[in-house]
Amino acid sequence: DQGWLPSTRLVGKSGKSVKPSVYLALGISG
């Protein structure tokens, strides 16, 4: 929403579901 990344990189219900081997969540509440 701040425009720091394009919407194609949104992880979430309104973005994309992901299943990487490693998901590093930085400053994400969950």
Full PDB file with SEQRES, HELIX, SHEET, SSBOND, CRYST1, ORIGX, SCALE, CONECT and MASTER records, all heavy atoms in Angstrom:
SEQRES   1 A   30  ASP GLN GLY TRP LEU PRO SER THR ARG LEU VAL GLY LYS          
SEQRES   2 A   30  SER GLY LYS SER VAL LYS PRO SER VAL TYR LEU ALA LEU          
SEQRES   3 A   30  GLY ILE SER GLY                                              
HELIX    1 AA1 SER A    7  ARG A    9  5                                   3    
CRYST1    1.000    1.000    1.000  90.00  90.00  90.00 P 1           1          
ORIGX1      1.000000  0.000000  0.000000        0.00000                         
ORIGX2      0.000000  1.000000  0.000000        0.00000                         
ORIGX3      0.000000  0.000000  1.000000        0.00000                         
SCALE1      1.000000  0.000000  0.000000        0.00000                         
SCALE2      0.000000  1.000000  0.000000        0.00000                         
SCALE3      0.000000  0.000000  1.000000        0.00000                         
ATOM      1  N   ASP A   1       0.819  -1.211   0.000  1.00  0.00           N  
ATOM      2  CA  ASP A   1       0.000   0.000   0.000  1.00  0.00           C  
ATOM      3  C   ASP A   1       0.853   1.262   0.000  1.00  0.00           C  
ATOM      4  O   ASP A   1       0.436   2.304  -0.521  1.00  0.00           O  
ATOM      5  CB  ASP A   1      -0.946   0.009   1.214  1.00  0.00           C  
ATOM      6  CG  ASP A   1      -2.090  -0.986   1.069  1.00  0.00           C  
ATOM      7  OD1 ASP A   1      -2.295  -1.484  -0.059  1.00  0.00           O  
ATOM      8  OD2 ASP A   1      -2.766  -1.275   2.074  1.00  0.00           O  
ATOM      9  N   GLN A   2       2.031   1.179   0.578  1.00  0.00           N  
ATOM     10  CA  GLN A   2       2.945   2.327   0.584  1.00  0.00           C  
ATOM     11  C   GLN A   2       3.643   2.507  -0.761  1.00  0.00           C  
ATOM     12  O   GLN A   2       4.300   3.518  -0.992  1.00  0.00           O  
ATOM     13  CB  GLN A   2       4.008   2.144   1.679  1.00  0.00           C  
ATOM     14  CG  GLN A   2       3.486   2.244   3.094  1.00  0.00           C  
ATOM     15  CD  GLN A   2       3.165   3.663   3.502  1.00  0.00           C  
ATOM     16  OE1 GLN A   2       3.581   4.622   2.859  1.00  0.00           O  
ATOM     17  NE2 GLN A   2       2.407   3.816   4.581  1.00  0.00           N  
ATOM     18  N   GLY A   3       3.524   1.508  -1.638  1.00  0.00           N  
ATOM     19  CA  GLY A   3       4.174   1.590  -2.935  1.00  0.00           C  
ATOM     20  C   GLY A   3       5.637   1.206  -2.908  1.00  0.00           C  
ATOM     21  O   GLY A   3       6.373   1.477  -3.869  1.00  0.00           O  
ATOM     22  N   TRP A   4       6.080   0.562  -1.832  1.00  0.00           N  
ATOM     23  CA  TRP A   4       7.489   0.181  -1.721  1.00  0.00           C  
ATOM     24  C   TRP A   4       7.800  -1.075  -2.531  1.00  0.00           C  
ATOM     25  O   TRP A   4       8.961  -1.349  -2.831  1.00  0.00           O  
ATOM     26  CB  TRP A   4       7.871  -0.034  -0.257  1.00  0.00           C  
ATOM     27  CG  TRP A   4       7.688   1.207   0.579  1.00  0.00           C  
ATOM     28  CD1 TRP A   4       7.531   2.491   0.123  1.00  0.00           C  
ATOM     29  CD2 TRP A   4       7.638   1.282   2.009  1.00  0.00           C  
ATOM     30  NE1 TRP A   4       7.379   3.350   1.180  1.00  0.00           N  
ATOM     31  CE2 TRP A   4       7.447   2.652   2.349  1.00  0.00           C  
ATOM     32  CE3 TRP A   4       7.727   0.340   3.038  1.00  0.00           C  
ATOM     33  CZ2 TRP A   4       7.344   3.073   3.674  1.00  0.00           C  
ATOM     34  CZ3 TRP A   4       7.628   0.767   4.351  1.00  0.00           C  
ATOM     35  CH2 TRP A   4       7.449   2.128   4.659  1.00  0.00           C  
ATOM     36  N   LEU A   5       6.773  -1.853  -2.839  1.00  0.00           N  
ATOM     37  CA  LEU A   5       6.890  -3.013  -3.709  1.00  0.00           C  
ATOM     38  C   LEU A   5       5.672  -3.039  -4.626  1.00  0.00           C  
ATOM     39  O   LEU A   5       4.582  -2.582  -4.230  1.00  0.00           O  
ATOM     40  CB  LEU A   5       6.943  -4.324  -2.902  1.00  0.00           C  
ATOM     41  CG  LEU A   5       8.244  -4.686  -2.185  1.00  0.00           C  
ATOM     42  CD1 LEU A   5       8.047  -5.936  -1.337  1.00  0.00           C  
ATOM     43  CD2 LEU A   5       9.390  -4.891  -3.166  1.00  0.00           C  
ATOM     44  N   PRO A   6       5.806  -3.597  -5.847  1.00  0.00           N  
ATOM     45  CA  PRO A   6       4.638  -3.692  -6.727  1.00  0.00           C  
ATOM     46  C   PRO A   6       3.635  -4.720  -6.203  1.00  0.00           C  
ATOM     47  O   PRO A   6       3.978  -5.608  -5.422  1.00  0.00           O  
ATOM     48  CB  PRO A   6       5.250  -4.134  -8.058  1.00  0.00           C  
ATOM     49  CG  PRO A   6       6.523  -4.810  -7.695  1.00  0.00           C  
ATOM     50  CD  PRO A   6       7.036  -4.088  -6.478  1.00  0.00           C  
ATOM     51  N   SER A   7       2.394  -4.589  -6.630  1.00  0.00           N  
ATOM     52  CA  SER A   7       1.332  -5.472  -6.142  1.00  0.00           C  
ATOM     53  C   SER A   7       1.574  -6.929  -6.512  1.00  0.00           C  
ATOM     54  O   SER A   7       1.013  -7.834  -5.880  1.00  0.00           O  
ATOM     55  CB  SER A   7      -0.023  -5.017  -6.690  1.00  0.00           C  
ATOM     56  OG  SER A   7      -0.025  -5.023  -8.103  1.00  0.00           O  
ATOM     57  N   THR A   8       2.407  -7.189  -7.531  1.00  0.00           N  
ATOM     58  CA  THR A   8       2.725  -8.565  -7.918  1.00  0.00           C  
ATOM     59  C   THR A   8       3.493  -9.298  -6.826  1.00  0.00           C  
ATOM     60  O   THR A   8       3.613 -10.524  -6.860  1.00  0.00           O  
ATOM     61  CB  THR A   8       3.552  -8.583  -9.211  1.00  0.00           C  
ATOM     62  OG1 THR A   8       4.680  -7.705  -9.061  1.00  0.00           O  
ATOM     63  CG2 THR A   8       2.721  -8.135 -10.399  1.00  0.00           C  
ATOM     64  N   ARG A   9       4.012  -8.546  -5.854  1.00  0.00           N  
ATOM     65  CA  ARG A   9       4.804  -9.160  -4.789  1.00  0.00           C  
ATOM     66  C   ARG A   9       4.034  -9.247  -3.476  1.00  0.00           C  
ATOM     67  O   ARG A   9       4.613  -9.533  -2.422  1.00  0.00           O  
ATOM     68  CB  ARG A   9       6.095  -8.380  -4.584  1.00  0.00           C  
ATOM     69  CG  ARG A   9       6.905  -8.252  -5.877  1.00  0.00           C  
ATOM     70  CD  ARG A   9       8.349  -8.439  -5.657  1.00  0.00           C  
ATOM     71  NE  ARG A   9       9.102  -8.400  -6.911  1.00  0.00           N  
ATOM     72  CZ  ARG A   9      10.367  -8.753  -7.033  1.00  0.00           C  
ATOM     73  NH1 ARG A   9      11.020  -9.184  -5.971  1.00  0.00           N  
ATOM     74  NH2 ARG A   9      10.984  -8.693  -8.181  1.00  0.00           N  
ATOM     75  N   LEU A  10       2.736  -9.037  -3.539  1.00  0.00           N  
ATOM     76  CA  LEU A  10       1.905  -9.096  -2.332  1.00  0.00           C  
ATOM     77  C   LEU A  10       1.624 -10.542  -1.948  1.00  0.00           C  
ATOM     78  O   LEU A  10       1.105 -11.326  -2.741  1.00  0.00           O  
ATOM     79  CB  LEU A  10       0.583  -8.357  -2.557  1.00  0.00           C  
ATOM     80  CG  LEU A  10      -0.472  -8.497  -1.445  1.00  0.00           C  
ATOM     81  CD1 LEU A  10       0.051  -7.921  -0.139  1.00  0.00           C  
ATOM     82  CD2 LEU A  10      -1.768  -7.818  -1.861  1.00  0.00           C  
ATOM     83  N   VAL A  11       1.957 -10.882  -0.711  1.00  0.00           N  
ATOM     84  CA  VAL A  11       1.633 -12.191  -0.155  1.00  0.00           C  
ATOM     85  C   VAL A  11       0.394 -12.021   0.726  1.00  0.00           C  
ATOM     86  O   VAL A  11       0.398 -11.228   1.664  1.00  0.00           O  
ATOM     87  CB  VAL A  11       2.800 -12.749   0.676  1.00  0.00           C  
ATOM     88  CG1 VAL A  11       2.413 -14.093   1.296  1.00  0.00           C  
ATOM     89  CG2 VAL A  11       4.051 -12.902  -0.181  1.00  0.00           C  
ATOM     90  N   GLY A  12      -0.651 -12.758   0.433  1.00  0.00           N  
ATOM     91  CA  GLY A  12      -1.864 -12.642   1.233  1.00  0.00           C  
ATOM     92  C   GLY A  12      -3.080 -13.069   0.454  1.00  0.00           C  
ATOM     93  O   GLY A  12      -3.008 -13.414  -0.730  1.00  0.00           O  
ATOM     94  N   LYS A  13      -4.210 -13.038   1.122  1.00  0.00           N  
ATOM     95  CA  LYS A  13      -5.456 -13.494   0.510  1.00  0.00           C  
ATOM     96  C   LYS A  13      -5.808 -12.687  -0.721  1.00  0.00           C  
ATOM     97  O   LYS A  13      -6.367 -13.202  -1.688  1.00  0.00           O  
ATOM     98  CB  LYS A  13      -6.594 -13.428   1.532  1.00  0.00           C  
ATOM     99  CG  LYS A  13      -7.895 -14.026   1.058  1.00  0.00           C  
ATOM    100  CD  LYS A  13      -8.807 -14.371   2.206  1.00  0.00           C  
ATOM    101  CE  LYS A  13      -9.245 -13.151   2.987  1.00  0.00           C  
ATOM    102  NZ  LYS A  13     -10.239 -13.494   4.026  1.00  0.00           N  
ATOM    103  N   SER A  14      -5.499 -11.387  -0.709  1.00  0.00           N  
ATOM    104  CA  SER A  14      -5.770 -10.546  -1.876  1.00  0.00           C  
ATOM    105  C   SER A  14      -4.579 -10.458  -2.817  1.00  0.00           C  
ATOM    106  O   SER A  14      -4.625  -9.743  -3.811  1.00  0.00           O  
ATOM    107  CB  SER A  14      -6.182  -9.137  -1.429  1.00  0.00           C  
ATOM    108  OG  SER A  14      -5.195  -8.563  -0.596  1.00  0.00           O  
ATOM    109  N   GLY A  15      -3.508 -11.205  -2.497  1.00  0.00           N  
ATOM    110  CA  GLY A  15      -2.335 -11.256  -3.364  1.00  0.00           C  
ATOM    111  C   GLY A  15      -2.100 -12.672  -3.832  1.00  0.00           C  
ATOM    112  O   GLY A  15      -2.961 -13.278  -4.457  1.00  0.00           O  
ATOM    113  N   LYS A  16      -0.941 -13.226  -3.489  1.00  0.00           N  
ATOM    114  CA  LYS A  16      -0.605 -14.576  -3.932  1.00  0.00           C  
ATOM    115  C   LYS A  16      -0.329 -15.488  -2.743  1.00  0.00           C  
ATOM    116  O   LYS A  16       0.190 -15.057  -1.714  1.00  0.00           O  
ATOM    117  CB  LYS A  16       0.614 -14.556  -4.854  1.00  0.00           C  
ATOM    118  CG  LYS A  16       0.324 -14.010  -6.242  1.00  0.00           C  
ATOM    119  CD  LYS A  16       1.463 -14.297  -7.194  1.00  0.00           C  
ATOM    120  CE  LYS A  16       1.087 -13.876  -8.619  1.00  0.00           C  
ATOM    121  NZ  LYS A  16       2.152 -14.202  -9.593  1.00  0.00           N  
ATOM    122  N   SER A  17      -0.699 -16.750  -2.926  1.00  0.00           N  
ATOM    123  CA  SER A  17      -0.301 -17.779  -1.978  1.00  0.00           C  
ATOM    124  C   SER A  17       1.058 -18.314  -2.408  1.00  0.00           C  
ATOM    125  O   SER A  17       1.317 -18.479  -3.604  1.00  0.00           O  
ATOM    126  CB  SER A  17      -1.328 -18.909  -1.959  1.00  0.00           C  
ATOM    127  OG  SER A  17      -2.562 -18.449  -1.454  1.00  0.00           O  
ATOM    128  N   VAL A  18       1.912 -18.573  -1.441  1.00  0.00           N  
ATOM    129  CA  VAL A  18       3.272 -19.012  -1.750  1.00  0.00           C  
ATOM    130  C   VAL A  18       3.598 -20.265  -0.959  1.00  0.00           C  
ATOM    131  O   VAL A  18       3.003 -20.532   0.089  1.00  0.00           O  
ATOM    132  CB  VAL A  18       4.298 -17.898  -1.432  1.00  0.00           C  
ATOM    133  CG1 VAL A  18       4.051 -16.666  -2.283  1.00  0.00           C  
ATOM    134  CG2 VAL A  18       4.265 -17.524   0.050  1.00  0.00           C  
ATOM    135  N   LYS A  19       4.546 -21.042  -1.438  1.00  0.00           N  
ATOM    136  CA  LYS A  19       4.990 -22.240  -0.726  1.00  0.00           C  
ATOM    137  C   LYS A  19       6.472 -22.480  -0.992  1.00  0.00           C  
ATOM    138  O   LYS A  19       6.858 -23.512  -1.554  1.00  0.00           O  
ATOM    139  CB  LYS A  19       4.149 -23.454  -1.114  1.00  0.00           C  
ATOM    140  CG  LYS A  19       3.833 -23.597  -2.587  1.00  0.00           C  
ATOM    141  CD  LYS A  19       2.870 -24.755  -2.804  1.00  0.00           C  
ATOM    142  CE  LYS A  19       2.458 -24.851  -4.257  1.00  0.00           C  
ATOM    143  NZ  LYS A  19       1.494 -25.939  -4.486  1.00  0.00           N  
ATOM    144  N   PRO A  20       7.308 -21.522  -0.594  1.00  0.00           N  
ATOM    145  CA  PRO A  20       8.752 -21.676  -0.794  1.00  0.00           C  
ATOM    146  C   PRO A  20       9.341 -22.678   0.182  1.00  0.00           C  
ATOM    147  O   PRO A  20       8.701 -23.063   1.171  1.00  0.00           O  
ATOM    148  CB  PRO A  20       9.278 -20.261  -0.523  1.00  0.00           C  
ATOM    149  CG  PRO A  20       8.324 -19.721   0.485  1.00  0.00           C  
ATOM    150  CD  PRO A  20       6.982 -20.264   0.089  1.00  0.00           C  
ATOM    151  N   SER A  21      10.563 -23.066  -0.074  1.00  0.00           N  
ATOM    152  CA  SER A  21      11.253 -23.922   0.894  1.00  0.00           C  
ATOM    153  C   SER A  21      11.617 -23.126   2.143  1.00  0.00           C  
ATOM    154  O   SER A  21      11.637 -23.668   3.249  1.00  0.00           O  
ATOM    155  CB  SER A  21      12.505 -24.528   0.261  1.00  0.00           C  
ATOM    156  OG  SER A  21      13.348 -23.508  -0.255  1.00  0.00           O  
ATOM    157  N   VAL A  22      11.898 -21.815   1.967  1.00  0.00           N  
ATOM    158  CA  VAL A  22      12.183 -20.936   3.106  1.00  0.00           C  
ATOM    159  C   VAL A  22      11.405 -19.634   2.942  1.00  0.00           C  
ATOM    160  O   VAL A  22      11.484 -18.979   1.898  1.00  0.00           O  
ATOM    161  CB  VAL A  22      13.689 -20.604   3.219  1.00  0.00           C  
ATOM    162  CG1 VAL A  22      13.932 -19.620   4.357  1.00  0.00           C  
ATOM    163  CG2 VAL A  22      14.504 -21.872   3.428  1.00  0.00           C  
ATOM    164  N   TYR A  23      10.634 -19.287   3.971  1.00  0.00           N  
ATOM    165  CA  TYR A  23       9.897 -18.022   3.988  1.00  0.00           C  
ATOM    166  C   TYR A  23      10.376 -17.235   5.202  1.00  0.00           C  
ATOM    167  O   TYR A  23      10.132 -17.614   6.348  1.00  0.00           O  
ATOM    168  CB  TYR A  23       8.392 -18.264   4.077  1.00  0.00           C  
ATOM    169  CG  TYR A  23       7.565 -16.993   3.962  1.00  0.00           C  
ATOM    170  CD1 TYR A  23       7.242 -16.473   2.716  1.00  0.00           C  
ATOM    171  CD2 TYR A  23       7.108 -16.319   5.097  1.00  0.00           C  
ATOM    172  CE1 TYR A  23       6.490 -15.315   2.592  1.00  0.00           C  
ATOM    173  CE2 TYR A  23       6.362 -15.162   4.981  1.00  0.00           C  
ATOM    174  CZ  TYR A  23       6.049 -14.663   3.728  1.00  0.00           C  
ATOM    175  OH  TYR A  23       5.311 -13.509   3.606  1.00  0.00           O  
ATOM    176  N   LEU A  24      11.103 -16.152   4.940  1.00  0.00           N  
ATOM    177  CA  LEU A  24      11.649 -15.314   6.007  1.00  0.00           C  
ATOM    178  C   LEU A  24      10.736 -14.108   6.186  1.00  0.00           C  
ATOM    179  O   LEU A  24      10.671 -13.232   5.319  1.00  0.00           O  
ATOM    180  CB  LEU A  24      13.074 -14.888   5.652  1.00  0.00           C  
ATOM    181  CG  LEU A  24      13.864 -14.079   6.681  1.00  0.00           C  
ATOM    182  CD1 LEU A  24      13.937 -14.824   8.007  1.00  0.00           C  
ATOM    183  CD2 LEU A  24      15.268 -13.801   6.173  1.00  0.00           C  
ATOM    184  N   ALA A  25      10.008 -14.065   7.294  1.00  0.00           N  
ATOM    185  CA  ALA A  25       9.036 -13.001   7.558  1.00  0.00           C  
ATOM    186  C   ALA A  25       9.686 -11.932   8.426  1.00  0.00           C  
ATOM    187  O   ALA A  25       9.965 -12.153   9.607  1.00  0.00           O  
ATOM    188  CB  ALA A  25       7.806 -13.572   8.249  1.00  0.00           C  
ATOM    189  N   LEU A  26       9.896 -10.759   7.862  1.00  0.00           N  
ATOM    190  CA  LEU A  26      10.578  -9.669   8.552  1.00  0.00           C  
ATOM    191  C   LEU A  26       9.581  -8.593   8.952  1.00  0.00           C  
ATOM    192  O   LEU A  26       9.012  -7.910   8.101  1.00  0.00           O  
ATOM    193  CB  LEU A  26      11.642  -9.062   7.636  1.00  0.00           C  
ATOM    194  CG  LEU A  26      12.694 -10.013   7.065  1.00  0.00           C  
ATOM    195  CD1 LEU A  26      13.588  -9.284   6.076  1.00  0.00           C  
ATOM    196  CD2 LEU A  26      13.522 -10.640   8.181  1.00  0.00           C  
ATOM    197  N   GLY A  27       9.355  -8.441  10.247  1.00  0.00           N  
ATOM    198  CA  GLY A  27       8.453  -7.397  10.719  1.00  0.00           C  
ATOM    199  C   GLY A  27       7.017  -7.591  10.287  1.00  0.00           C  
ATOM    200  O   GLY A  27       6.285  -6.624  10.107  1.00  0.00           O  
ATOM    201  N   ILE A  28       6.609  -8.837  10.115  1.00  0.00           N  
ATOM    202  CA  ILE A  28       5.238  -9.175   9.731  1.00  0.00           C  
ATOM    203  C   ILE A  28       4.534  -9.764  10.945  1.00  0.00           C  
ATOM    204  O   ILE A  28       5.017 -10.739  11.542  1.00  0.00           O  
ATOM    205  CB  ILE A  28       5.229 -10.183   8.562  1.00  0.00           C  
ATOM    206  CG1 ILE A  28       5.791  -9.518   7.298  1.00  0.00           C  
ATOM    207  CG2 ILE A  28       3.838 -10.712   8.303  1.00  0.00           C  
ATOM    208  CD1 ILE A  28       5.959 -10.462   6.128  1.00  0.00           C  
ATOM    209  N   SER A  29       3.395  -9.197  11.319  1.00  0.00           N  
ATOM    210  CA  SER A  29       2.711  -9.641  12.539  1.00  0.00           C  
ATOM    211  C   SER A  29       2.070 -11.014  12.378  1.00  0.00           C  
ATOM    212  O   SER A  29       2.053 -11.817  13.302  1.00  0.00           O  
ATOM    213  CB  SER A  29       1.651  -8.623  12.954  1.00  0.00           C  
ATOM    214  OG  SER A  29       0.647  -8.505  11.959  1.00  0.00           O  
ATOM    215  N   GLY A  30       1.530 -11.296  11.186  1.00  0.00           N  
ATOM    216  CA  GLY A  30       0.894 -12.595  10.962  1.00  0.00           C  
ATOM    217  C   GLY A  30      -0.616 -12.535  11.019  1.00  0.00           C  
ATOM    218  O   GLY A  30      -1.257 -13.396  11.632  1.00  0.00           O  
TER     219      GLY A  30                                                      
MASTER        0    0    0    1    0    0    0    6  218    1    0    3          
END                                                                             
